[in-house]
């Protein structure tokens, strides 16, 4: 059975996650795939997505997929999945803020994705490093995000935490952390 290589990049907002991930993808492939998970909520957001696509350039293959990320064939490709936070938002919203159902569905989808023979660079946010969520929905989503990040980090061969634009290696292929 094919197995994916997973490189997980996490950090706070505007920490440089996406820039680092894009640079890494281009170092690994001359024609990487950009797997965008954002749902288009309004025209302004749609225009922002178009600007990001144009900024990336023609060497990128853009795939937009709100939830079913495993349905595409990524065989022998380098795929930048940006980002887990927006992807989880789609499950959370569609499941009426049900954390358990959203986590189960997202884990199932990630399991299917990881069975492909490809390199996945997965970007996510560390939203739990801030303060305590001011309402129940925020707290539920923070829990969902944290549990999913832990799940991905366990599966990943490499994990980076972005701090002020600097990648800090948390887990490398050669390390053998206690699981």
Protein backbone atom coordinates (compact mmCIF):
# COMPACT_ATOMS: atom_id res chain seq x y z
CA UNK A 1 0.00 0.00 0.00
CA UNK A 2 1.25 3.49 -0.85
CA UNK A 3 1.97 5.80 2.02
CA UNK A 4 2.18 9.54 2.01
CA UNK A 5 4.99 11.63 3.36
CA UNK A 6 3.51 14.36 5.56
CA UNK A 7 5.22 17.60 6.46
CA UNK A 8 3.12 19.54 8.97
CA UNK A 9 3.56 23.30 9.39
CA UNK A 10 1.72 25.02 12.21
CA UNK A 11 1.84 28.36 13.98
CA UNK A 12 -0.09 31.52 14.74
CA UNK A 13 -1.75 33.93 12.33
CA UNK A 14 0.72 35.73 10.05
CA UNK A 15 3.60 33.64 11.37
CA UNK A 16 4.85 32.85 7.86
CA UNK A 17 3.34 29.36 7.55
CA UNK A 18 2.06 29.65 3.98
CA UNK A 19 5.18 31.42 2.66
CA UNK A 20 7.42 28.76 4.17
CA UNK A 21 5.17 25.98 2.86
CA UNK A 22 5.12 27.40 -0.67
CA UNK A 23 8.90 27.79 -0.72
CA UNK A 24 9.31 24.22 0.52
CA UNK A 25 6.87 22.87 -2.09
CA UNK A 26 8.78 24.62 -4.88
CA UNK A 27 12.06 23.18 -3.56
CA UNK A 28 10.55 19.69 -3.74
CA UNK A 29 8.77 20.05 -7.10
CA UNK A 30 8.83 22.30 -10.16
CA UNK A 31 5.06 21.82 -10.49
CA UNK A 32 3.43 21.41 -7.09
CA UNK A 33 -0.28 21.24 -6.39
CA UNK A 34 -1.95 23.88 -4.23
CA UNK A 35 -4.92 22.27 -2.48
CA UNK A 36 -7.08 25.12 -1.20
CA UNK A 37 -9.76 24.25 1.33
CA UNK A 38 -11.45 27.60 1.83
CA UNK A 39 -15.16 27.86 1.21
CA UNK A 40 -16.01 30.96 -0.80
CA UNK A 41 -18.26 32.91 1.57
CA UNK A 42 -18.75 36.10 -0.47
CA UNK A 43 -17.51 38.04 -3.51
CA UNK A 44 -14.78 39.82 -1.54
CA UNK A 45 -13.39 36.47 -0.38
CA UNK A 46 -13.59 35.14 -3.95
CA UNK A 47 -11.52 38.08 -5.21
CA UNK A 48 -8.95 37.48 -2.49
CA UNK A 49 -8.64 33.83 -3.57
CA UNK A 50 -8.13 34.91 -7.20
CA UNK A 51 -5.32 37.28 -6.12
CA UNK A 52 -3.61 34.49 -4.18
CA UNK A 53 -3.82 32.17 -7.20
CA UNK A 54 -2.29 34.81 -9.48
CA UNK A 55 0.48 35.51 -6.93
CA UNK A 56 1.50 31.84 -6.85
CA UNK A 57 2.24 31.71 -10.55
CA UNK A 58 1.74 29.27 -13.42
CA UNK A 59 3.90 26.44 -12.03
CA UNK A 60 1.17 25.63 -9.50
CA UNK A 61 -1.80 23.37 -10.19
CA UNK A 62 -4.68 24.79 -8.16
CA UNK A 63 -7.33 22.47 -6.74
CA UNK A 64 -10.14 23.86 -4.62
CA UNK A 65 -11.80 21.30 -2.38
CA UNK A 66 -13.87 22.26 0.66
CA UNK A 67 -14.01 18.87 2.37
CA UNK A 68 -13.40 15.79 0.18
CA UNK A 69 -9.66 16.29 -0.25
CA UNK A 70 -8.95 12.59 -0.85
CA UNK A 71 -11.08 12.32 -4.00
CA UNK A 72 -8.29 13.68 -6.22
CA UNK A 73 -5.31 11.66 -7.49
CA UNK A 74 -2.06 13.14 -6.18
CA UNK A 75 0.18 10.19 -7.09
CA UNK A 76 3.87 11.08 -7.06
CA UNK A 77 3.13 14.78 -6.59
CA UNK A 78 3.96 17.39 -3.99
CA UNK A 79 0.75 18.83 -2.55
CA UNK A 80 0.46 21.91 -0.37
CA UNK A 81 -2.78 21.67 1.63
CA UNK A 82 -3.63 25.16 2.89
CA UNK A 83 -5.19 25.10 5.37
CA UNK A 84 -6.55 22.68 7.96
CA UNK A 85 -8.27 25.48 9.89
CA UNK A 86 -10.46 26.49 6.95
CA UNK A 87 -11.04 22.84 6.07
CA UNK A 88 -12.20 22.05 9.61
CA UNK A 89 -14.43 25.12 9.56
CA UNK A 90 -16.36 23.53 6.70
CA UNK A 91 -16.98 20.32 8.67
CA UNK A 92 -17.79 22.26 11.86
CA UNK A 93 -20.26 24.54 10.08
CA UNK A 94 -21.93 21.70 8.12
CA UNK A 95 -22.21 19.61 11.30
CA UNK A 96 -23.81 22.40 13.37
CA UNK A 97 -20.76 22.77 15.64
CA UNK A 98 -20.66 19.05 16.51
CA UNK A 99 -16.99 18.57 17.45
CA UNK A 100 -17.05 14.76 17.64
CA UNK A 101 -18.74 14.31 14.26
CA UNK A 102 -16.50 16.90 12.61
CA UNK A 103 -13.34 15.34 14.03
CA UNK A 104 -14.41 11.84 12.97
CA UNK A 105 -15.19 12.94 9.39
CA UNK A 106 -11.97 14.95 9.06
CA UNK A 107 -9.83 12.09 10.41
CA UNK A 108 -11.48 9.66 7.97
CA UNK A 109 -10.76 11.99 5.07
CA UNK A 110 -7.15 12.48 6.18
CA UNK A 111 -6.69 8.70 6.48
CA UNK A 112 -7.85 8.27 2.88
CA UNK A 113 -5.56 11.08 1.76
CA UNK A 114 -2.53 9.57 3.51
CA UNK A 115 -2.94 6.33 1.56
CA UNK A 116 -1.80 8.08 -1.61
CA UNK A 117 1.85 7.93 -2.66
CA UNK A 118 2.54 11.66 -2.50
CA UNK A 119 4.23 14.31 -0.38
CA UNK A 120 1.76 16.47 1.52
CA UNK A 121 2.77 19.76 3.08
CA UNK A 122 -0.07 20.53 5.47
CA UNK A 123 -0.58 24.01 6.94
CA UNK A 124 -2.61 24.66 10.08
CA UNK A 125 -3.11 27.28 12.77
CA UNK A 126 -2.30 26.98 16.46
CA UNK A 127 -5.39 28.84 17.64
CA UNK A 128 -5.26 27.41 21.16
CA UNK A 129 -2.12 29.38 22.03
CA UNK A 130 -4.14 32.56 22.47
CA UNK A 131 -6.53 33.29 25.27
CA UNK A 132 -9.57 31.36 26.36
CA UNK A 133 -12.35 31.53 23.74
CA UNK A 134 -14.98 34.10 24.63
CA UNK A 135 -17.93 31.90 23.71
CA UNK A 136 -18.88 28.23 23.50
CA UNK A 137 -18.57 28.01 19.70
CA UNK A 138 -15.02 29.40 19.80
CA UNK A 139 -14.04 27.02 22.58
CA UNK A 140 -15.50 24.04 20.70
CA UNK A 141 -13.68 24.96 17.50
CA UNK A 142 -10.42 25.50 19.38
CA UNK A 143 -10.78 21.98 20.81
CA UNK A 144 -11.50 20.56 17.35
CA UNK A 145 -8.50 22.35 15.86
CA UNK A 146 -6.18 21.26 18.66
CA UNK A 147 -7.20 17.59 18.47
CA UNK A 148 -6.84 17.57 14.68
CA UNK A 149 -3.43 19.22 14.85
CA UNK A 150 -2.29 16.55 17.32
CA UNK A 151 -3.60 13.83 15.01
CA UNK A 152 -1.77 15.25 11.99
CA UNK A 153 1.46 15.80 13.95
CA UNK A 154 1.45 12.13 15.01
CA UNK A 155 1.10 11.05 11.37
CA UNK A 156 3.71 13.48 10.04
CA UNK A 157 7.33 12.63 9.44
CA UNK A 158 8.29 16.30 9.90
CA UNK A 159 6.65 19.06 11.96
CA UNK A 160 7.56 22.74 11.95
CA UNK A 161 6.29 25.48 14.25
CA UNK A 162 6.49 28.92 12.64
CA UNK A 163 7.50 31.73 14.99
CA UNK A 164 7.81 35.26 13.55
CA UNK A 165 8.66 33.90 10.11
CA UNK A 166 11.21 31.41 11.42
CA UNK A 167 10.57 27.66 11.04
CA UNK A 168 11.42 25.73 14.20
CA UNK A 169 11.76 21.98 13.63
CA UNK A 170 9.64 20.13 16.19
CA UNK A 171 9.82 16.64 14.70
CA UNK A 172 12.06 15.32 11.96
CA UNK A 173 12.05 12.13 9.93
CA UNK A 174 15.00 10.78 11.86
CA UNK A 175 13.55 11.48 15.30
CA UNK A 176 11.70 8.82 17.24
CA UNK A 177 9.35 10.68 19.59
CA UNK A 178 7.33 8.88 22.23
CA UNK A 179 3.84 8.45 20.82
